[in-house]
ModelCIF file with pLDDT and N, C-alpha, C, O atoms, coordinates in Angstrom:
data_MODEL
#
_entry.id   MODEL 
#
_entity.id                         1 
_entity.type                       polymer 
_entity.pdbx_number_of_molecules   1 
#
_entity_poly.entity_id                      1 
_entity_poly.type                           'polypeptide(L)' 
_entity_poly.nstd_linkage                   no 
_entity_poly.nstd_monomer                   no 
_entity_poly.pdbx_seq_one_letter_code       LGDESLPETIAKSVGASSPTTEELFRTAVRTIMAERRARKLLEDKLKA 
_entity_poly.pdbx_seq_one_letter_code_can   LGDESLPETIAKSVGASSPTTEELFRTAVRTIMAERRARKLLEDKLKA 
_entity_poly.pdbx_strand_id                 A 
#
loop_
_entity_poly_seq.entity_id 
_entity_poly_seq.num 
_entity_poly_seq.mon_id 
_entity_poly_seq.hetero 
1 1  LEU n 
1 2  GLY n 
1 3  ASP n 
1 4  GLU n 
1 5  SER n 
1 6  LEU n 
1 7  PRO n 
1 8  GLU n 
1 9  THR n 
1 10 ILE n 
1 11 ALA n 
1 12 LYS n 
1 13 SER n 
1 14 VAL n 
1 15 GLY n 
1 16 ALA n 
1 17 SER n 
1 18 SER n 
1 19 PRO n 
1 20 THR n 
1 21 THR n 
1 22 GLU n 
1 23 GLU n 
1 24 LEU n 
1 25 PHE n 
1 26 ARG n 
1 27 THR n 
1 28 ALA n 
1 29 VAL n 
1 30 ARG n 
1 31 THR n 
1 32 ILE n 
1 33 MET n 
1 34 ALA n 
1 35 GLU n 
1 36 ARG n 
1 37 ARG n 
1 38 ALA n 
1 39 ARG n 
1 40 LYS n 
1 41 LEU n 
1 42 LEU n 
1 43 GLU n 
1 44 ASP n 
1 45 LYS n 
1 46 LEU n 
1 47 LYS n 
1 48 ALA n 
#
_struct_asym.id          A 
_struct_asym.entity_id   1 
#
loop_
_ma_qa_metric.id 
_ma_qa_metric.mode 
_ma_qa_metric.name 
_ma_qa_metric.software_group_id 
_ma_qa_metric.type 
1 global pLDDT . pLDDT 
2 local  pLDDT . pLDDT 
#
_ma_qa_metric_global.metric_id      1 
_ma_qa_metric_global.metric_value   96.83 
_ma_qa_metric_global.model_id       1 
_ma_qa_metric_global.ordinal_id     1 
#
loop_
_ma_qa_metric_local.label_asym_id 
_ma_qa_metric_local.label_comp_id 
_ma_qa_metric_local.label_seq_id 
_ma_qa_metric_local.metric_id 
_ma_qa_metric_local.metric_value 
_ma_qa_metric_local.model_id 
_ma_qa_metric_local.ordinal_id 
A LEU 1  2 98.00 1 1  
A GLY 2  2 98.00 1 2  
A ASP 3  2 98.00 1 3  
A GLU 4  2 96.00 1 4  
A SER 5  2 98.00 1 5  
A LEU 6  2 98.00 1 6  
A PRO 7  2 98.00 1 7  
A GLU 8  2 98.00 1 8  
A THR 9  2 98.00 1 9  
A ILE 10 2 98.00 1 10 
A ALA 11 2 98.00 1 11 
A LYS 12 2 98.00 1 12 
A SER 13 2 98.00 1 13 
A VAL 14 2 97.00 1 14 
A GLY 15 2 97.00 1 15 
A ALA 16 2 97.00 1 16 
A SER 17 2 95.00 1 17 
A SER 18 2 95.00 1 18 
A PRO 19 2 96.00 1 19 
A THR 20 2 95.00 1 20 
A THR 21 2 96.00 1 21 
A GLU 22 2 97.00 1 22 
A GLU 23 2 98.00 1 23 
A LEU 24 2 98.00 1 24 
A PHE 25 2 98.00 1 25 
A ARG 26 2 98.00 1 26 
A THR 27 2 98.00 1 27 
A ALA 28 2 98.00 1 28 
A VAL 29 2 98.00 1 29 
A ARG 30 2 98.00 1 30 
A THR 31 2 98.00 1 31 
A ILE 32 2 98.00 1 32 
A MET 33 2 97.00 1 33 
A ALA 34 2 98.00 1 34 
A GLU 35 2 97.00 1 35 
A ARG 36 2 96.00 1 36 
A ARG 37 2 96.00 1 37 
A ALA 38 2 97.00 1 38 
A ARG 39 2 97.00 1 39 
A LYS 40 2 96.00 1 40 
A LEU 41 2 97.00 1 41 
A LEU 42 2 96.00 1 42 
A GLU 43 2 96.00 1 43 
A ASP 44 2 95.00 1 44 
A LYS 45 2 94.00 1 45 
A LEU 46 2 94.00 1 46 
A LYS 47 2 93.00 1 47 
A ALA 48 2 92.00 1 48 
#
loop_
_atom_site.group_PDB 
_atom_site.id 
_atom_site.type_symbol 
_atom_site.label_atom_id 
_atom_site.label_alt_id 
_atom_site.label_comp_id 
_atom_site.label_asym_id 
_atom_site.label_entity_id 
_atom_site.label_seq_id 
_atom_site.pdbx_PDB_ins_code 
_atom_site.Cartn_x 
_atom_site.Cartn_y 
_atom_site.Cartn_z 
_atom_site.occupancy 
_atom_site.B_iso_or_equiv 
_atom_site.pdbx_formal_charge 
_atom_site.auth_seq_id 
_atom_site.auth_comp_id 
_atom_site.auth_asym_id 
_atom_site.auth_atom_id 
_atom_site.pdbx_PDB_model_num 
ATOM 1   N N  . LEU A 1 1  ? -167.331 -10.159 -72.839 1.00 98.00 ? 1  LEU A N  1 
ATOM 2   C CA . LEU A 1 1  ? -166.275 -10.464 -73.091 1.00 98.00 ? 1  LEU A CA 1 
ATOM 3   C C  . LEU A 1 1  ? -165.938 -10.903 -74.841 1.00 98.00 ? 1  LEU A C  1 
ATOM 4   O O  . LEU A 1 1  ? -164.815 -11.344 -75.088 1.00 98.00 ? 1  LEU A O  1 
ATOM 5   N N  . GLY A 1 2  ? -166.656 -10.798 -75.649 1.00 98.00 ? 2  GLY A N  1 
ATOM 6   C CA . GLY A 1 2  ? -166.482 -11.630 -76.914 1.00 98.00 ? 2  GLY A CA 1 
ATOM 7   C C  . GLY A 1 2  ? -165.678 -12.804 -76.855 1.00 98.00 ? 2  GLY A C  1 
ATOM 8   O O  . GLY A 1 2  ? -164.719 -13.030 -77.593 1.00 98.00 ? 2  GLY A O  1 
ATOM 9   N N  . ASP A 1 3  ? -166.089 -13.514 -75.982 1.00 98.00 ? 3  ASP A N  1 
ATOM 10  C CA . ASP A 1 3  ? -165.494 -15.044 -75.718 1.00 98.00 ? 3  ASP A CA 1 
ATOM 11  C C  . ASP A 1 3  ? -166.655 -15.850 -75.944 1.00 98.00 ? 3  ASP A C  1 
ATOM 12  O O  . ASP A 1 3  ? -167.559 -15.833 -75.108 1.00 98.00 ? 3  ASP A O  1 
ATOM 13  N N  . GLU A 1 4  ? -166.751 -16.675 -77.150 1.00 96.00 ? 4  GLU A N  1 
ATOM 14  C CA . GLU A 1 4  ? -167.769 -17.645 -77.244 1.00 96.00 ? 4  GLU A CA 1 
ATOM 15  C C  . GLU A 1 4  ? -167.515 -18.990 -76.743 1.00 96.00 ? 4  GLU A C  1 
ATOM 16  O O  . GLU A 1 4  ? -168.364 -19.877 -76.661 1.00 96.00 ? 4  GLU A O  1 
ATOM 17  N N  . SER A 1 5  ? -166.328 -19.078 -76.425 1.00 98.00 ? 5  SER A N  1 
ATOM 18  C CA . SER A 1 5  ? -165.800 -20.149 -75.663 1.00 98.00 ? 5  SER A CA 1 
ATOM 19  C C  . SER A 1 5  ? -166.275 -20.358 -74.305 1.00 98.00 ? 5  SER A C  1 
ATOM 20  O O  . SER A 1 5  ? -166.289 -21.443 -73.724 1.00 98.00 ? 5  SER A O  1 
ATOM 21  N N  . LEU A 1 6  ? -166.737 -19.023 -73.753 1.00 98.00 ? 6  LEU A N  1 
ATOM 22  C CA . LEU A 1 6  ? -167.119 -19.119 -72.353 1.00 98.00 ? 6  LEU A CA 1 
ATOM 23  C C  . LEU A 1 6  ? -168.154 -20.105 -71.850 1.00 98.00 ? 6  LEU A C  1 
ATOM 24  O O  . LEU A 1 6  ? -167.849 -20.593 -70.763 1.00 98.00 ? 6  LEU A O  1 
ATOM 25  N N  . PRO A 1 7  ? -169.228 -20.494 -72.334 1.00 98.00 ? 7  PRO A N  1 
ATOM 26  C CA . PRO A 1 7  ? -170.063 -21.544 -71.922 1.00 98.00 ? 7  PRO A CA 1 
ATOM 27  C C  . PRO A 1 7  ? -169.637 -22.845 -71.881 1.00 98.00 ? 7  PRO A C  1 
ATOM 28  O O  . PRO A 1 7  ? -170.033 -23.609 -71.001 1.00 98.00 ? 7  PRO A O  1 
ATOM 29  N N  . GLU A 1 8  ? -168.809 -23.204 -72.806 1.00 98.00 ? 8  GLU A N  1 
ATOM 30  C CA . GLU A 1 8  ? -168.125 -24.363 -72.990 1.00 98.00 ? 8  GLU A CA 1 
ATOM 31  C C  . GLU A 1 8  ? -166.957 -24.652 -71.743 1.00 98.00 ? 8  GLU A C  1 
ATOM 32  O O  . GLU A 1 8  ? -166.698 -25.826 -71.479 1.00 98.00 ? 8  GLU A O  1 
ATOM 33  N N  . THR A 1 9  ? -166.311 -23.620 -71.041 1.00 98.00 ? 9  THR A N  1 
ATOM 34  C CA . THR A 1 9  ? -165.325 -23.657 -70.039 1.00 98.00 ? 9  THR A CA 1 
ATOM 35  C C  . THR A 1 9  ? -166.232 -23.687 -68.827 1.00 98.00 ? 9  THR A C  1 
ATOM 36  O O  . THR A 1 9  ? -166.019 -24.511 -67.937 1.00 98.00 ? 9  THR A O  1 
ATOM 37  N N  . ILE A 1 10 ? -167.199 -22.857 -68.755 1.00 98.00 ? 10 ILE A N  1 
ATOM 38  C CA . ILE A 1 10 ? -167.928 -22.944 -67.215 1.00 98.00 ? 10 ILE A CA 1 
ATOM 39  C C  . ILE A 1 10 ? -168.809 -24.467 -67.364 1.00 98.00 ? 10 ILE A C  1 
ATOM 40  O O  . ILE A 1 10 ? -168.912 -25.144 -66.341 1.00 98.00 ? 10 ILE A O  1 
ATOM 41  N N  . ALA A 1 11 ? -169.352 -24.908 -68.491 1.00 98.00 ? 11 ALA A N  1 
ATOM 42  C CA . ALA A 1 11 ? -169.846 -26.321 -68.251 1.00 98.00 ? 11 ALA A CA 1 
ATOM 43  C C  . ALA A 1 11 ? -168.650 -27.508 -67.778 1.00 98.00 ? 11 ALA A C  1 
ATOM 44  O O  . ALA A 1 11 ? -168.867 -28.473 -67.046 1.00 98.00 ? 11 ALA A O  1 
ATOM 45  N N  . LYS A 1 12 ? -167.518 -27.187 -68.330 1.00 98.00 ? 12 LYS A N  1 
ATOM 46  C CA . LYS A 1 12 ? -166.512 -28.093 -67.872 1.00 98.00 ? 12 LYS A CA 1 
ATOM 47  C C  . LYS A 1 12 ? -166.513 -27.841 -66.458 1.00 98.00 ? 12 LYS A C  1 
ATOM 48  O O  . LYS A 1 12 ? -166.773 -28.830 -65.772 1.00 98.00 ? 12 LYS A O  1 
ATOM 49  N N  . SER A 1 13 ? -166.306 -26.850 -65.897 1.00 98.00 ? 13 SER A N  1 
ATOM 50  C CA . SER A 1 13 ? -166.287 -26.354 -64.484 1.00 98.00 ? 13 SER A CA 1 
ATOM 51  C C  . SER A 1 13 ? -167.108 -27.221 -64.046 1.00 98.00 ? 13 SER A C  1 
ATOM 52  O O  . SER A 1 13 ? -166.741 -28.297 -63.574 1.00 98.00 ? 13 SER A O  1 
ATOM 53  N N  . VAL A 1 14 ? -168.387 -26.836 -64.156 1.00 97.00 ? 14 VAL A N  1 
ATOM 54  C CA . VAL A 1 14 ? -169.548 -27.399 -63.543 1.00 97.00 ? 14 VAL A CA 1 
ATOM 55  C C  . VAL A 1 14 ? -169.806 -28.616 -63.573 1.00 97.00 ? 14 VAL A C  1 
ATOM 56  O O  . VAL A 1 14 ? -170.598 -29.126 -62.782 1.00 97.00 ? 14 VAL A O  1 
ATOM 57  N N  . GLY A 1 15 ? -169.199 -29.255 -64.459 1.00 97.00 ? 15 GLY A N  1 
ATOM 58  C CA . GLY A 1 15 ? -169.509 -30.882 -64.663 1.00 97.00 ? 15 GLY A CA 1 
ATOM 59  C C  . GLY A 1 15 ? -168.364 -31.795 -63.669 1.00 97.00 ? 15 GLY A C  1 
ATOM 60  O O  . GLY A 1 15 ? -168.436 -32.988 -63.373 1.00 97.00 ? 15 GLY A O  1 
ATOM 61  N N  . ALA A 1 16 ? -167.310 -30.795 -63.283 1.00 97.00 ? 16 ALA A N  1 
ATOM 62  C CA . ALA A 1 16 ? -166.213 -31.541 -62.403 1.00 97.00 ? 16 ALA A CA 1 
ATOM 63  C C  . ALA A 1 16 ? -166.898 -31.908 -61.375 1.00 97.00 ? 16 ALA A C  1 
ATOM 64  O O  . ALA A 1 16 ? -166.698 -33.020 -60.887 1.00 97.00 ? 16 ALA A O  1 
ATOM 65  N N  . SER A 1 17 ? -167.873 -31.011 -60.829 1.00 95.00 ? 17 SER A N  1 
ATOM 66  C CA . SER A 1 17 ? -168.450 -31.537 -59.503 1.00 95.00 ? 17 SER A CA 1 
ATOM 67  C C  . SER A 1 17 ? -170.140 -32.126 -59.641 1.00 95.00 ? 17 SER A C  1 
ATOM 68  O O  . SER A 1 17 ? -170.772 -32.759 -58.795 1.00 95.00 ? 17 SER A O  1 
ATOM 69  N N  . SER A 1 18 ? -170.541 -31.719 -60.862 1.00 95.00 ? 18 SER A N  1 
ATOM 70  C CA . SER A 1 18 ? -172.044 -32.079 -60.787 1.00 95.00 ? 18 SER A CA 1 
ATOM 71  C C  . SER A 1 18 ? -172.636 -32.127 -62.139 1.00 95.00 ? 18 SER A C  1 
ATOM 72  O O  . SER A 1 18 ? -173.246 -31.189 -62.652 1.00 95.00 ? 18 SER A O  1 
ATOM 73  N N  . PRO A 1 19 ? -172.353 -33.631 -62.853 1.00 96.00 ? 19 PRO A N  1 
ATOM 74  C CA . PRO A 1 19 ? -172.605 -34.091 -64.258 1.00 96.00 ? 19 PRO A CA 1 
ATOM 75  C C  . PRO A 1 19 ? -174.148 -33.327 -64.490 1.00 96.00 ? 19 PRO A C  1 
ATOM 76  O O  . PRO A 1 19 ? -174.375 -32.588 -65.447 1.00 96.00 ? 19 PRO A O  1 
ATOM 77  N N  . THR A 1 20 ? -174.917 -33.583 -63.666 1.00 95.00 ? 20 THR A N  1 
ATOM 78  C CA . THR A 1 20 ? -176.197 -33.158 -63.940 1.00 95.00 ? 20 THR A CA 1 
ATOM 79  C C  . THR A 1 20 ? -176.503 -31.837 -64.050 1.00 95.00 ? 20 THR A C  1 
ATOM 80  O O  . THR A 1 20 ? -177.231 -31.303 -64.887 1.00 95.00 ? 20 THR A O  1 
ATOM 81  N N  . THR A 1 21 ? -175.859 -31.314 -63.090 1.00 96.00 ? 21 THR A N  1 
ATOM 82  C CA . THR A 1 21 ? -175.993 -29.441 -63.138 1.00 96.00 ? 21 THR A CA 1 
ATOM 83  C C  . THR A 1 21 ? -175.541 -29.287 -64.454 1.00 96.00 ? 21 THR A C  1 
ATOM 84  O O  . THR A 1 21 ? -176.229 -28.636 -65.241 1.00 96.00 ? 21 THR A O  1 
ATOM 85  N N  . GLU A 1 22 ? -174.299 -29.879 -64.868 1.00 97.00 ? 22 GLU A N  1 
ATOM 86  C CA . GLU A 1 22 ? -173.785 -29.487 -66.076 1.00 97.00 ? 22 GLU A CA 1 
ATOM 87  C C  . GLU A 1 22 ? -174.567 -29.849 -67.271 1.00 97.00 ? 22 GLU A C  1 
ATOM 88  O O  . GLU A 1 22 ? -174.402 -29.097 -68.232 1.00 97.00 ? 22 GLU A O  1 
ATOM 89  N N  . GLU A 1 23 ? -175.383 -30.834 -67.424 1.00 98.00 ? 23 GLU A N  1 
ATOM 90  C CA . GLU A 1 23 ? -176.407 -30.978 -68.437 1.00 98.00 ? 23 GLU A CA 1 
ATOM 91  C C  . GLU A 1 23 ? -177.302 -30.061 -68.616 1.00 98.00 ? 23 GLU A C  1 
ATOM 92  O O  . GLU A 1 23 ? -177.499 -29.569 -69.727 1.00 98.00 ? 23 GLU A O  1 
ATOM 93  N N  . LEU A 1 24 ? -177.990 -29.696 -67.503 1.00 98.00 ? 24 LEU A N  1 
ATOM 94  C CA . LEU A 1 24 ? -179.091 -28.545 -66.998 1.00 98.00 ? 24 LEU A CA 1 
ATOM 95  C C  . LEU A 1 24 ? -178.693 -27.253 -67.683 1.00 98.00 ? 24 LEU A C  1 
ATOM 96  O O  . LEU A 1 24 ? -179.505 -26.544 -68.277 1.00 98.00 ? 24 LEU A O  1 
ATOM 97  N N  . PHE A 1 25 ? -177.371 -26.975 -67.566 1.00 98.00 ? 25 PHE A N  1 
ATOM 98  C CA . PHE A 1 25 ? -176.639 -25.714 -67.791 1.00 98.00 ? 25 PHE A CA 1 
ATOM 99  C C  . PHE A 1 25 ? -176.427 -25.843 -69.268 1.00 98.00 ? 25 PHE A C  1 
ATOM 100 O O  . PHE A 1 25 ? -176.649 -24.945 -70.081 1.00 98.00 ? 25 PHE A O  1 
ATOM 101 N N  . ARG A 1 26 ? -176.002 -26.980 -69.527 1.00 98.00 ? 26 ARG A N  1 
ATOM 102 C CA . ARG A 1 26 ? -175.701 -26.996 -71.466 1.00 98.00 ? 26 ARG A CA 1 
ATOM 103 C C  . ARG A 1 26 ? -177.238 -26.726 -72.125 1.00 98.00 ? 26 ARG A C  1 
ATOM 104 O O  . ARG A 1 26 ? -177.469 -25.822 -72.928 1.00 98.00 ? 26 ARG A O  1 
ATOM 105 N N  . THR A 1 27 ? -178.111 -27.568 -71.688 1.00 98.00 ? 27 THR A N  1 
ATOM 106 C CA . THR A 1 27 ? -179.369 -27.475 -71.914 1.00 98.00 ? 27 THR A CA 1 
ATOM 107 C C  . THR A 1 27 ? -179.883 -25.939 -72.070 1.00 98.00 ? 27 THR A C  1 
ATOM 108 O O  . THR A 1 27 ? -180.443 -25.600 -73.113 1.00 98.00 ? 27 THR A O  1 
ATOM 109 N N  . ALA A 1 28 ? -179.686 -25.062 -71.053 1.00 98.00 ? 28 ALA A N  1 
ATOM 110 C CA . ALA A 1 28 ? -180.529 -23.471 -70.972 1.00 98.00 ? 28 ALA A CA 1 
ATOM 111 C C  . ALA A 1 28 ? -179.510 -22.965 -71.913 1.00 98.00 ? 28 ALA A C  1 
ATOM 112 O O  . ALA A 1 28 ? -179.926 -22.218 -72.797 1.00 98.00 ? 28 ALA A O  1 
ATOM 113 N N  . VAL A 1 29 ? -178.271 -23.234 -71.882 1.00 98.00 ? 29 VAL A N  1 
ATOM 114 C CA . VAL A 1 29 ? -177.388 -22.227 -72.754 1.00 98.00 ? 29 VAL A CA 1 
ATOM 115 C C  . VAL A 1 29 ? -177.963 -22.637 -74.471 1.00 98.00 ? 29 VAL A C  1 
ATOM 116 O O  . VAL A 1 29 ? -178.537 -21.858 -75.233 1.00 98.00 ? 29 VAL A O  1 
ATOM 117 N N  . ARG A 1 30 ? -177.683 -23.739 -74.680 1.00 98.00 ? 30 ARG A N  1 
ATOM 118 C CA . ARG A 1 30 ? -178.655 -24.158 -76.315 1.00 98.00 ? 30 ARG A CA 1 
ATOM 119 C C  . ARG A 1 30 ? -179.773 -23.745 -76.176 1.00 98.00 ? 30 ARG A C  1 
ATOM 120 O O  . ARG A 1 30 ? -180.229 -23.851 -77.314 1.00 98.00 ? 30 ARG A O  1 
ATOM 121 N N  . THR A 1 31 ? -180.760 -23.226 -75.386 1.00 98.00 ? 31 THR A N  1 
ATOM 122 C CA . THR A 1 31 ? -182.179 -22.875 -75.363 1.00 98.00 ? 31 THR A CA 1 
ATOM 123 C C  . THR A 1 31 ? -182.139 -21.243 -75.673 1.00 98.00 ? 31 THR A C  1 
ATOM 124 O O  . THR A 1 31 ? -182.872 -20.703 -76.501 1.00 98.00 ? 31 THR A O  1 
ATOM 125 N N  . ILE A 1 32 ? -181.150 -20.552 -74.859 1.00 98.00 ? 32 ILE A N  1 
ATOM 126 C CA . ILE A 1 32 ? -180.811 -19.214 -74.910 1.00 98.00 ? 32 ILE A CA 1 
ATOM 127 C C  . ILE A 1 32 ? -180.405 -19.004 -76.493 1.00 98.00 ? 32 ILE A C  1 
ATOM 128 O O  . ILE A 1 32 ? -181.001 -18.214 -77.225 1.00 98.00 ? 32 ILE A O  1 
ATOM 129 N N  . MET A 1 33 ? -179.251 -19.866 -76.929 1.00 97.00 ? 33 MET A N  1 
ATOM 130 C CA . MET A 1 33 ? -178.902 -19.442 -78.003 1.00 97.00 ? 33 MET A CA 1 
ATOM 131 C C  . MET A 1 33 ? -179.964 -19.598 -79.334 1.00 97.00 ? 33 MET A C  1 
ATOM 132 O O  . MET A 1 33 ? -179.931 -18.932 -80.369 1.00 97.00 ? 33 MET A O  1 
ATOM 133 N N  . ALA A 1 34 ? -180.792 -20.548 -79.021 1.00 98.00 ? 34 ALA A N  1 
ATOM 134 C CA . ALA A 1 34 ? -181.564 -21.050 -80.272 1.00 98.00 ? 34 ALA A CA 1 
ATOM 135 C C  . ALA A 1 34 ? -182.828 -20.029 -80.123 1.00 98.00 ? 34 ALA A C  1 
ATOM 136 O O  . ALA A 1 34 ? -183.570 -19.795 -81.077 1.00 98.00 ? 34 ALA A O  1 
ATOM 137 N N  . GLU A 1 35 ? -182.994 -19.469 -78.890 1.00 97.00 ? 35 GLU A N  1 
ATOM 138 C CA . GLU A 1 35 ? -183.967 -18.108 -79.084 1.00 97.00 ? 35 GLU A CA 1 
ATOM 139 C C  . GLU A 1 35 ? -183.421 -17.052 -79.954 1.00 97.00 ? 35 GLU A C  1 
ATOM 140 O O  . GLU A 1 35 ? -183.950 -16.505 -80.922 1.00 97.00 ? 35 GLU A O  1 
ATOM 141 N N  . ARG A 1 36 ? -182.155 -16.852 -79.377 1.00 96.00 ? 36 ARG A N  1 
ATOM 142 C CA . ARG A 1 36 ? -181.706 -15.805 -80.111 1.00 96.00 ? 36 ARG A CA 1 
ATOM 143 C C  . ARG A 1 36 ? -181.588 -15.830 -81.434 1.00 96.00 ? 36 ARG A C  1 
ATOM 144 O O  . ARG A 1 36 ? -181.750 -14.779 -82.054 1.00 96.00 ? 36 ARG A O  1 
ATOM 145 N N  . ARG A 1 37 ? -181.348 -16.783 -81.971 1.00 96.00 ? 37 ARG A N  1 
ATOM 146 C CA . ARG A 1 37 ? -181.475 -17.391 -83.380 1.00 96.00 ? 37 ARG A CA 1 
ATOM 147 C C  . ARG A 1 37 ? -182.725 -16.944 -84.007 1.00 96.00 ? 37 ARG A C  1 
ATOM 148 O O  . ARG A 1 37 ? -182.817 -16.099 -84.897 1.00 96.00 ? 37 ARG A O  1 
ATOM 149 N N  . ALA A 1 38 ? -183.634 -17.567 -83.475 1.00 97.00 ? 38 ALA A N  1 
ATOM 150 C CA . ALA A 1 38 ? -185.054 -17.466 -83.960 1.00 97.00 ? 38 ALA A CA 1 
ATOM 151 C C  . ALA A 1 38 ? -185.709 -16.035 -84.122 1.00 97.00 ? 38 ALA A C  1 
ATOM 152 O O  . ALA A 1 38 ? -186.396 -15.671 -85.077 1.00 97.00 ? 38 ALA A O  1 
ATOM 153 N N  . ARG A 1 39 ? -185.367 -15.293 -83.010 1.00 97.00 ? 39 ARG A N  1 
ATOM 154 C CA . ARG A 1 39 ? -185.637 -13.845 -82.491 1.00 97.00 ? 39 ARG A CA 1 
ATOM 155 C C  . ARG A 1 39 ? -185.074 -12.762 -83.621 1.00 97.00 ? 39 ARG A C  1 
ATOM 156 O O  . ARG A 1 39 ? -185.599 -11.690 -83.923 1.00 97.00 ? 39 ARG A O  1 
ATOM 157 N N  . LYS A 1 40 ? -183.892 -13.331 -84.143 1.00 96.00 ? 40 LYS A N  1 
ATOM 158 C CA . LYS A 1 40 ? -183.158 -12.316 -85.028 1.00 96.00 ? 40 LYS A CA 1 
ATOM 159 C C  . LYS A 1 40 ? -183.719 -12.694 -86.473 1.00 96.00 ? 40 LYS A C  1 
ATOM 160 O O  . LYS A 1 40 ? -183.915 -11.731 -87.215 1.00 96.00 ? 40 LYS A O  1 
ATOM 161 N N  . LEU A 1 41 ? -183.978 -13.845 -86.927 1.00 97.00 ? 41 LEU A N  1 
ATOM 162 C CA . LEU A 1 41 ? -184.864 -14.618 -87.726 1.00 97.00 ? 41 LEU A CA 1 
ATOM 163 C C  . LEU A 1 41 ? -186.042 -13.862 -88.014 1.00 97.00 ? 41 LEU A C  1 
ATOM 164 O O  . LEU A 1 41 ? -186.260 -13.414 -89.140 1.00 97.00 ? 41 LEU A O  1 
ATOM 165 N N  . LEU A 1 42 ? -186.939 -13.676 -86.879 1.00 96.00 ? 42 LEU A N  1 
ATOM 166 C CA . LEU A 1 42 ? -188.245 -13.057 -87.178 1.00 96.00 ? 42 LEU A CA 1 
ATOM 167 C C  . LEU A 1 42 ? -188.059 -11.608 -87.337 1.00 96.00 ? 42 LEU A C  1 
ATOM 168 O O  . LEU A 1 42 ? -188.782 -11.075 -88.179 1.00 96.00 ? 42 LEU A O  1 
ATOM 169 N N  . GLU A 1 43 ? -187.258 -10.892 -86.713 1.00 96.00 ? 43 GLU A N  1 
ATOM 170 C CA . GLU A 1 43 ? -186.942 -9.255  -86.752 1.00 96.00 ? 43 GLU A CA 1 
ATOM 171 C C  . GLU A 1 43 ? -186.549 -8.910  -88.115 1.00 96.00 ? 43 GLU A C  1 
ATOM 172 O O  . GLU A 1 43 ? -186.960 -7.882  -88.653 1.00 96.00 ? 43 GLU A O  1 
ATOM 173 N N  . ASP A 1 44 ? -185.643 -9.869  -88.778 1.00 95.00 ? 44 ASP A N  1 
ATOM 174 C CA . ASP A 1 44 ? -185.242 -9.877  -90.157 1.00 95.00 ? 44 ASP A CA 1 
ATOM 175 C C  . ASP A 1 44 ? -186.510 -9.809  -91.066 1.00 95.00 ? 44 ASP A C  1 
ATOM 176 O O  . ASP A 1 44 ? -186.930 -8.965  -91.858 1.00 95.00 ? 44 ASP A O  1 
ATOM 177 N N  . LYS A 1 45 ? -186.946 -11.000 -90.651 1.00 94.00 ? 45 LYS A N  1 
ATOM 178 C CA . LYS A 1 45 ? -188.366 -10.853 -91.737 1.00 94.00 ? 45 LYS A CA 1 
ATOM 179 C C  . LYS A 1 45 ? -189.436 -10.171 -91.710 1.00 94.00 ? 45 LYS A C  1 
ATOM 180 O O  . LYS A 1 45 ? -190.285 -10.186 -92.601 1.00 94.00 ? 45 LYS A O  1 
ATOM 181 N N  . LEU A 1 46 ? -189.499 -9.338  -90.403 1.00 94.00 ? 46 LEU A N  1 
ATOM 182 C CA . LEU A 1 46 ? -190.352 -8.161  -90.298 1.00 94.00 ? 46 LEU A CA 1 
ATOM 183 C C  . LEU A 1 46 ? -189.945 -7.004  -90.937 1.00 94.00 ? 46 LEU A C  1 
ATOM 184 O O  . LEU A 1 46 ? -190.768 -6.246  -91.449 1.00 94.00 ? 46 LEU A O  1 
ATOM 185 N N  . LYS A 1 47 ? -188.664 -6.781  -90.957 1.00 93.00 ? 47 LYS A N  1 
ATOM 186 C CA . LYS A 1 47 ? -188.030 -5.600  -91.560 1.00 93.00 ? 47 LYS A CA 1 
ATOM 187 C C  . LYS A 1 47 ? -188.315 -5.795  -93.046 1.00 93.00 ? 47 LYS A C  1 
ATOM 188 O O  . LYS A 1 47 ? -188.781 -4.923  -93.780 1.00 93.00 ? 47 LYS A O  1 
ATOM 189 N N  . ALA A 1 48 ? -187.970 -7.092  -93.425 1.00 92.00 ? 48 ALA A N  1 
ATOM 190 C CA . ALA A 1 48 ? -187.833 -7.093  -94.763 1.00 92.00 ? 48 ALA A CA 1 
ATOM 191 C C  . ALA A 1 48 ? -189.318 -6.791  -95.162 1.00 92.00 ? 48 ALA A C  1 
ATOM 192 O O  . ALA A 1 48 ? -189.633 -6.706  -96.349 1.00 92.00 ? 48 ALA A O  1 
#
């Protein structure tokens, strides 16, 4: 969708009924995004 704010919107929705699940969700999103950044860096280094 090209919507970088979607994870935050979903986190707030989840958190309205389950703060525990919200934190698990936020942690998972951060992990996914960190892995993407690291993988991109690795690919760039290998290409170089």
